[in-house]
Protein backbone atom coordinates (compact mmCIF):
# COMPACT_ATOMS: atom_id res chain seq x y z
CA MET A 1 -0.04 -0.41 -0.15
CA ALA A 2 2.84 2.31 0.85
CA ALA A 3 4.59 1.83 -3.22
CA SER A 4 0.99 2.53 -4.84
CA LEU A 5 0.64 5.81 -1.99
CA TRP A 6 4.29 6.59 -3.18
CA ARG A 7 2.98 6.16 -7.17
CA ALA A 8 -0.04 8.30 -6.52
CA LEU A 9 1.66 10.98 -5.28
CA MET A 10 5.06 11.22 -6.85
CA GLY A 11 3.39 10.23 -10.33
CA THR A 12 5.72 7.49 -11.29
CA GLY A 13 6.53 3.78 -11.83
CA ALA A 14 7.30 1.55 -8.36
CA PRO A 15 10.13 3.31 -6.63
CA SER A 16 13.49 2.60 -6.61
CA ALA A 17 15.40 1.54 -3.48
CA GLN A 18 17.46 4.87 -4.77
CA ALA A 19 14.92 7.10 -5.04
CA ASP A 20 15.23 11.05 -4.58
CA PRO A 21 11.08 12.30 -3.20
CA THR A 22 13.25 15.92 -3.90
CA ASP A 23 14.82 15.16 -7.63
CA GLY A 24 17.40 17.62 -6.36
CA VAL A 25 15.35 20.45 -5.02
CA ASP A 26 17.18 22.81 -2.25
CA PHE A 27 14.05 22.72 -0.15
CA TRP A 28 16.02 24.05 2.54
CA ARG A 29 17.24 27.35 1.05
CA ALA A 30 14.97 29.86 -0.22
CA PRO A 31 11.99 27.75 -0.80
CA GLU A 32 9.18 30.10 -2.34
CA ARG A 33 6.73 29.51 0.92
CA GLY A 34 7.03 27.74 3.77
CA GLY A 35 5.14 27.32 7.07
CA TRP A 36 3.40 26.10 9.42
CA LEU A 37 0.12 24.33 8.89
CA ASP A 38 -2.02 21.10 9.93
CA LYS A 39 -2.51 17.99 8.07
CA GLN A 40 -5.63 16.09 7.89
CA GLY A 41 -3.58 12.08 7.21
CA GLU A 42 -4.69 9.97 4.72
CA TYR A 43 -5.74 6.78 6.50
CA ILE A 44 -6.31 7.54 9.89
CA LYS A 45 -8.28 10.95 9.78
CA THR A 46 -5.89 13.20 12.48
CA TRP A 47 -5.00 16.48 12.47
CA ARG A 48 -0.56 16.55 11.97
CA ARG A 49 1.08 19.98 12.95
CA ARG A 50 3.82 19.63 9.88
CA TRP A 51 6.02 22.79 8.64
CA PHE A 52 5.25 22.40 4.75
CA VAL A 53 7.46 24.26 1.97
CA LEU A 54 6.95 25.00 -1.23
CA LYS A 55 9.74 25.30 -3.98
CA GLN A 56 9.98 24.61 -7.50
CA GLY A 57 6.78 22.28 -7.62
CA LYS A 58 6.91 20.63 -5.48
CA LEU A 59 5.27 21.13 -1.43
CA PHE A 60 7.32 19.15 0.99
CA TRP A 61 6.32 18.68 4.58
CA PHE A 62 8.54 18.19 7.42
CA LYS A 63 8.25 17.12 11.09
CA ASP A 64 9.78 20.30 12.49
CA SER A 65 11.05 23.19 11.10
CA THR A 66 14.45 23.08 11.36
CA ILE A 67 14.89 22.19 7.63
CA THR A 68 18.72 21.13 6.53
CA ARG A 69 20.48 19.69 3.68
CA ALA A 70 19.99 16.19 5.91
CA SER A 71 16.76 17.02 6.08
CA VAL A 72 14.03 13.63 5.01
CA PRO A 73 10.87 14.61 3.81
CA ARG A 74 7.65 13.30 5.36
CA GLY A 75 6.01 13.51 2.14
CA VAL A 76 5.84 15.49 -1.20
CA ILE A 77 2.73 16.99 -3.34
CA LEU A 78 3.47 17.10 -6.86
CA VAL A 79 1.68 20.23 -7.31
CA ALA A 80 1.79 19.76 -11.02
CA THR A 81 -0.11 16.94 -10.69
CA CYS A 82 -3.06 19.33 -8.37
CA LEU A 83 -6.73 20.37 -10.42
CA THR A 84 -7.27 22.66 -7.23
CA VAL A 85 -6.98 24.20 -4.22
CA LYS A 86 -9.50 26.16 -2.26
CA GLY A 87 -10.85 27.05 0.93
CA ALA A 88 -12.91 24.33 2.79
CA GLU A 89 -14.12 25.86 5.49
CA ASP A 90 -17.80 24.29 4.75
CA VAL A 91 -16.66 21.23 4.10
CA LEU A 92 -14.58 20.44 6.50
CA ASN A 93 -16.50 22.70 9.36
CA ARG A 94 -13.09 24.54 10.43
CA LYS A 95 -11.73 27.98 10.60
CA PHE A 96 -9.04 28.70 8.01
CA ALA A 97 -9.09 25.27 6.17
CA PHE A 98 -8.52 24.66 2.49
CA GLU A 99 -8.12 21.56 0.02
CA LEU A 100 -5.51 20.75 -3.09
CA SER A 101 -7.15 17.83 -4.42
CA THR A 102 -5.23 15.61 -7.42
CA PRO A 103 -7.16 13.13 -9.81
CA ARG A 104 -6.61 9.98 -6.92
CA GLU A 105 -7.14 12.45 -3.81
CA THR A 106 -8.28 15.22 -1.86
CA MET A 107 -5.99 16.45 0.61
CA TYR A 108 -7.19 18.96 3.66
CA PHE A 109 -4.83 21.55 5.38
CA VAL A 110 -5.62 24.09 8.47
CA ALA A 111 -3.81 27.43 8.44
CA ASP A 112 -2.81 29.36 11.42
CA SER A 113 -5.11 32.98 10.31
CA GLU A 114 -6.91 33.53 6.82
CA LYS A 115 -4.48 35.57 5.65
CA GLU A 116 -1.63 32.09 6.56
CA LYS A 117 -5.00 30.57 3.98
CA GLU A 118 -5.00 33.04 1.32
CA GLU A 119 -1.23 32.90 1.00
CA TRP A 120 -0.86 29.60 0.55
CA ILE A 121 -3.72 29.44 -1.64
CA ASN A 122 -2.31 31.63 -3.50
CA SER A 123 1.19 30.31 -3.87
CA ILE A 124 -0.38 26.17 -4.33
CA GLY A 125 -2.28 27.86 -6.92
CA ARG A 126 0.70 30.41 -8.82
CA SER A 127 2.27 26.44 -8.40
CA ILE A 128 0.01 24.48 -10.34
CA VAL A 129 -0.35 26.64 -13.38
CA GLN A 130 3.80 27.43 -14.00
CA HIS A 131 4.36 23.75 -13.50
CA SER A 132 1.04 22.42 -15.33
CA ARG A 133 2.18 21.45 -18.77
CA SER A 134 0.65 23.31 -21.10
CA VAL A 135 1.51 22.94 -25.62
CA THR A 136 3.80 25.42 -26.45
CA ASP A 137 3.92 26.94 -30.32
CA ASP A 138 6.65 24.16 -30.77
CA GLU A 139 4.84 21.47 -29.93
CA ILE A 140 1.60 22.34 -32.49
CA VAL A 141 1.63 19.79 -34.67
CA ASP A 142 0.95 21.09 -38.64
CA TYR A 143 -0.90 17.87 -39.06
CA ASP A 144 -0.72 18.69 -43.40
CA SER A 145 2.84 18.60 -42.69
CA GLY A 146 2.75 16.05 -40.31
CA GLN A 147 5.83 18.25 -38.93
CA PRO A 148 6.06 20.44 -35.91
CA THR A 149 5.24 24.31 -36.96
CA THR A 150 8.16 26.60 -36.05
CA GLY A 151 5.10 28.68 -33.80
CA ASP A 152 5.45 31.29 -37.11
CA ARG A 153 0.99 30.57 -38.37
CA SER A 154 1.44 32.92 -41.82
């Protein structure tokens, strides 16, 4: 079950013995956003306080806020796999709650204030847009010739 969870979160095949959840991201240095959030557990629906770091399209979480190169994330979400991030006070009946949805699951978080909740939603939302795969002009195929277009549409 842990392997399937790993694949779901990482969007990869089976994890190898040398799998690196950080994928070379220096999460300990200059995050796009960092701070405490309460996160609901996936299987046992208890709430745990975790330190979150958003950097380079990945949302990492840790047990404490002292993050070094040697720190090992408790989990990581590839932001590009996320569909929505939005407030969830009405769903959870908790102030400052928000949700992050992927095709496979919806995760719930609670910030310490309305301001922090909005900042997390905005930061994660920007990251979703930045890291989502979109078609560029170089990837558009001219179906008459079967060749990629040059981006010049005359």
